[in-house]
Amino acid sequence: MKVGIPEERCLLAVNGEVVCFYNSTACIEETVETGRVFVDGKGVGDVGEVVLKDRRHLAEDGMVLVIIGINQHSGELIYGPEIVSRGFVFEDESQEYLQMAKDLVREALQERSIEFLADRDEVRQLVRQTLKRFFKKSIERRPMVLSVILEM
C-alpha cells in the first residue's frame, strides 16, 4: 500500500497464518501454532511445561538428596540419613546446617513405629515434609527434596 498497490490487492498476514497462493490470488486458509520452540538434546519441541517448571525450580532453589537405609525385617534405621545438596547451600560452609537437618530427620524417624518405617512411601513423604518445613523456616528456601530409601 505504501508503494501504491490498492488495499484490496494486499494481504496482511500475522505470525501463524498460512498464506496459500492459487494462480493469481492469495488467501489465508488456516493458522498454525507459533512461538518459541525448545530444543532439548535431539528432541525439538518436546519439552513440556512440567519439565520447564522443574528446571526453573532446580535452578532457583537447588536440590537435596537424602539417603536412608532401613532394615526391611525390623524397620530399624541402619544407615543415614545421609544428605547431599546441589545448588542449595555451599557444602563447605554448611556442614553444621546439614547436620541439623540430618538430626531432625533422624528424630522424626525415631518417633515413628516399626510398621510406619516398613512403608517406603510413608518414610519418603515424612522425610520430604520434615526437610521442606525446616528449610522454609530456617533459610526461606524451597529446594527440591528427593529421598532414596534403601531396604537392606
Protein backbone atom coordinates (compact mmCIF):
# COMPACT_ATOMS: atom_id res chain seq x y z
CA MET A 1 0.00 0.00 0.00
CA LYS A 2 2.92 2.34 0.71
CA VAL A 3 4.23 1.80 -2.82
CA GLY A 4 0.84 2.36 -4.47
CA ILE A 5 -0.77 -1.10 -4.55
CA PRO A 6 -4.51 -0.85 -3.82
CA GLU A 7 -5.59 -2.10 -0.39
CA GLU A 8 -7.93 -4.75 -1.88
CA ARG A 9 -4.93 -6.32 -3.63
CA CYS A 10 -2.83 -6.52 -0.42
CA LEU A 11 -2.82 -9.36 2.08
CA LEU A 12 -1.67 -8.69 5.60
CA ALA A 13 -0.72 -11.90 7.41
CA VAL A 14 0.43 -12.28 11.00
CA ASN A 15 2.58 -14.98 12.57
CA GLY A 16 0.84 -18.33 12.40
CA GLU A 17 -1.42 -17.59 9.45
CA VAL A 18 -0.83 -19.80 6.41
CA VAL A 19 -0.94 -17.93 3.11
CA CYS A 20 -1.88 -20.06 0.09
CA PHE A 21 -1.37 -18.97 -3.49
CA TYR A 22 -3.66 -20.08 -6.35
CA ASN A 23 -2.96 -18.91 -9.89
CA SER A 24 -3.12 -15.15 -9.45
CA THR A 25 -4.74 -14.98 -5.99
CA ALA A 26 -3.63 -15.43 -2.41
CA CYS A 27 -5.64 -16.11 0.72
CA ILE A 28 -5.25 -17.06 4.35
CA GLU A 29 -6.57 -20.60 4.75
CA GLU A 30 -5.55 -21.72 8.23
CA THR A 31 -3.45 -20.93 11.26
CA VAL A 32 -0.70 -22.90 12.88
CA GLU A 33 0.83 -22.74 16.35
CA THR A 34 3.75 -20.36 16.59
CA GLY A 35 6.08 -19.19 19.31
CA ARG A 36 9.24 -20.39 20.93
CA VAL A 37 10.38 -23.93 20.26
CA PHE A 38 12.62 -25.53 22.85
CA VAL A 39 15.36 -27.83 21.64
CA ASP A 40 16.49 -30.37 24.21
CA GLY A 41 19.15 -32.78 23.04
CA LYS A 42 17.79 -34.50 19.96
CA GLY A 43 14.18 -33.60 20.69
CA VAL A 44 12.60 -30.48 19.20
CA GLY A 45 9.51 -29.02 20.82
CA ASP A 46 9.00 -31.98 23.15
CA VAL A 47 9.92 -30.21 26.38
CA GLY A 48 6.71 -29.83 28.35
CA GLU A 49 5.71 -27.15 30.81
CA VAL A 50 6.21 -29.53 33.78
CA VAL A 51 9.82 -30.16 32.77
CA LEU A 52 10.47 -26.44 32.40
CA LYS A 53 8.89 -25.75 35.79
CA ASP A 54 11.10 -28.40 37.44
CA ARG A 55 14.19 -26.95 35.78
CA ARG A 56 13.35 -23.44 36.98
CA HIS A 57 12.78 -24.80 40.48
CA LEU A 58 16.16 -26.59 40.46
CA ALA A 59 17.92 -23.51 39.07
CA GLU A 60 16.45 -21.18 41.69
CA ASP A 61 16.40 -23.33 44.84
CA GLY A 62 18.67 -26.33 44.17
CA MET A 63 18.10 -29.85 45.37
CA VAL A 64 18.70 -32.00 48.41
CA LEU A 65 19.12 -35.77 48.22
CA VAL A 66 18.52 -37.82 51.36
CA ILE A 67 19.71 -41.42 51.51
CA ILE A 68 18.38 -43.70 54.24
CA GLY A 69 18.93 -47.42 54.84
CA ILE A 70 16.24 -49.34 56.72
CA ASN A 71 16.34 -52.98 57.80
CA GLN A 72 13.47 -54.50 55.82
CA HIS A 73 12.69 -57.06 58.54
CA SER A 74 12.90 -55.00 61.71
CA GLY A 75 12.23 -51.49 60.29
CA GLU A 76 15.30 -50.26 62.13
CA LEU A 77 17.29 -47.34 60.74
CA ILE A 78 20.69 -48.82 59.85
CA TYR A 79 22.17 -46.16 57.57
CA GLY A 80 21.91 -42.41 57.41
CA PRO A 81 20.29 -40.16 56.91
CA GLU A 82 22.99 -39.01 54.51
CA ILE A 83 22.29 -35.62 52.92
CA VAL A 84 23.80 -34.35 49.67
CA SER A 85 22.93 -30.93 48.33
CA ARG A 86 23.49 -29.29 44.95
CA GLY A 87 22.79 -25.66 44.13
CA PHE A 88 21.26 -25.16 47.54
CA VAL A 89 23.96 -24.20 50.07
CA PHE A 90 27.74 -24.30 49.92
CA GLU A 91 28.73 -27.67 51.35
CA ASP A 92 31.98 -26.39 52.92
CA GLU A 93 30.18 -23.69 54.88
CA SER A 94 27.04 -25.66 55.66
CA GLN A 95 28.20 -28.83 57.38
CA GLU A 96 26.71 -27.70 60.67
CA TYR A 97 23.44 -26.70 59.00
CA LEU A 98 23.14 -30.01 57.13
CA GLN A 99 23.96 -31.86 60.36
CA MET A 100 20.96 -30.13 61.97
CA ALA A 101 18.81 -31.34 59.06
CA LYS A 102 20.12 -34.91 59.49
CA ASP A 103 19.35 -34.84 63.21
CA LEU A 104 15.85 -33.55 62.52
CA VAL A 105 15.16 -36.37 60.05
CA ARG A 106 16.60 -38.97 62.44
CA GLU A 107 14.36 -37.68 65.26
CA ALA A 108 11.27 -37.73 63.03
CA LEU A 109 12.00 -41.34 62.03
CA GLN A 110 12.65 -42.46 65.62
CA GLU A 111 9.24 -41.15 66.66
CA ARG A 112 7.53 -43.49 64.19
CA SER A 113 6.51 -47.11 64.65
CA ILE A 114 8.19 -50.11 63.01
CA GLU A 115 5.09 -50.57 60.81
CA PHE A 116 5.38 -46.99 59.60
CA LEU A 117 9.06 -47.42 58.76
CA ALA A 118 8.27 -50.55 56.75
CA ASP A 119 6.32 -48.42 54.23
CA ARG A 120 8.88 -46.74 51.95
CA ASP A 121 6.37 -44.25 50.55
CA GLU A 122 5.38 -43.07 54.02
CA VAL A 123 9.03 -42.67 55.03
CA ARG A 124 9.79 -40.79 51.81
CA GLN A 125 6.89 -38.41 52.41
CA LEU A 126 7.85 -37.85 56.06
CA VAL A 127 11.44 -37.01 55.09
CA ARG A 128 10.33 -34.56 52.40
CA GLN A 129 7.84 -32.80 54.67
CA THR A 130 10.30 -32.57 57.55
CA LEU A 131 13.09 -31.09 55.45
CA LYS A 132 10.87 -28.76 53.44
CA ARG A 133 9.50 -27.29 56.66
CA PHE A 134 13.00 -26.98 58.14
CA PHE A 135 14.47 -25.25 55.07
CA LYS A 136 11.49 -22.92 54.68
CA LYS A 137 11.62 -21.81 58.33
CA SER A 138 15.38 -21.56 58.68
CA ILE A 139 16.56 -20.02 55.40
CA GLU A 140 13.32 -19.37 53.48
CA ARG A 141 14.26 -21.54 50.52
CA ARG A 142 12.44 -24.44 48.90
CA PRO A 143 14.90 -26.90 47.40
CA MET A 144 13.64 -29.97 45.60
CA VAL A 145 13.90 -32.78 48.18
CA LEU A 146 14.48 -36.28 46.83
CA SER A 147 14.76 -39.23 49.16
CA VAL A 148 16.18 -42.66 48.46
CA ILE A 149 15.03 -45.37 50.84
CA LEU A 150 17.21 -48.48 50.74
CA GLU A 151 15.77 -51.64 52.20
CA MET A 152 18.64 -53.76 53.46
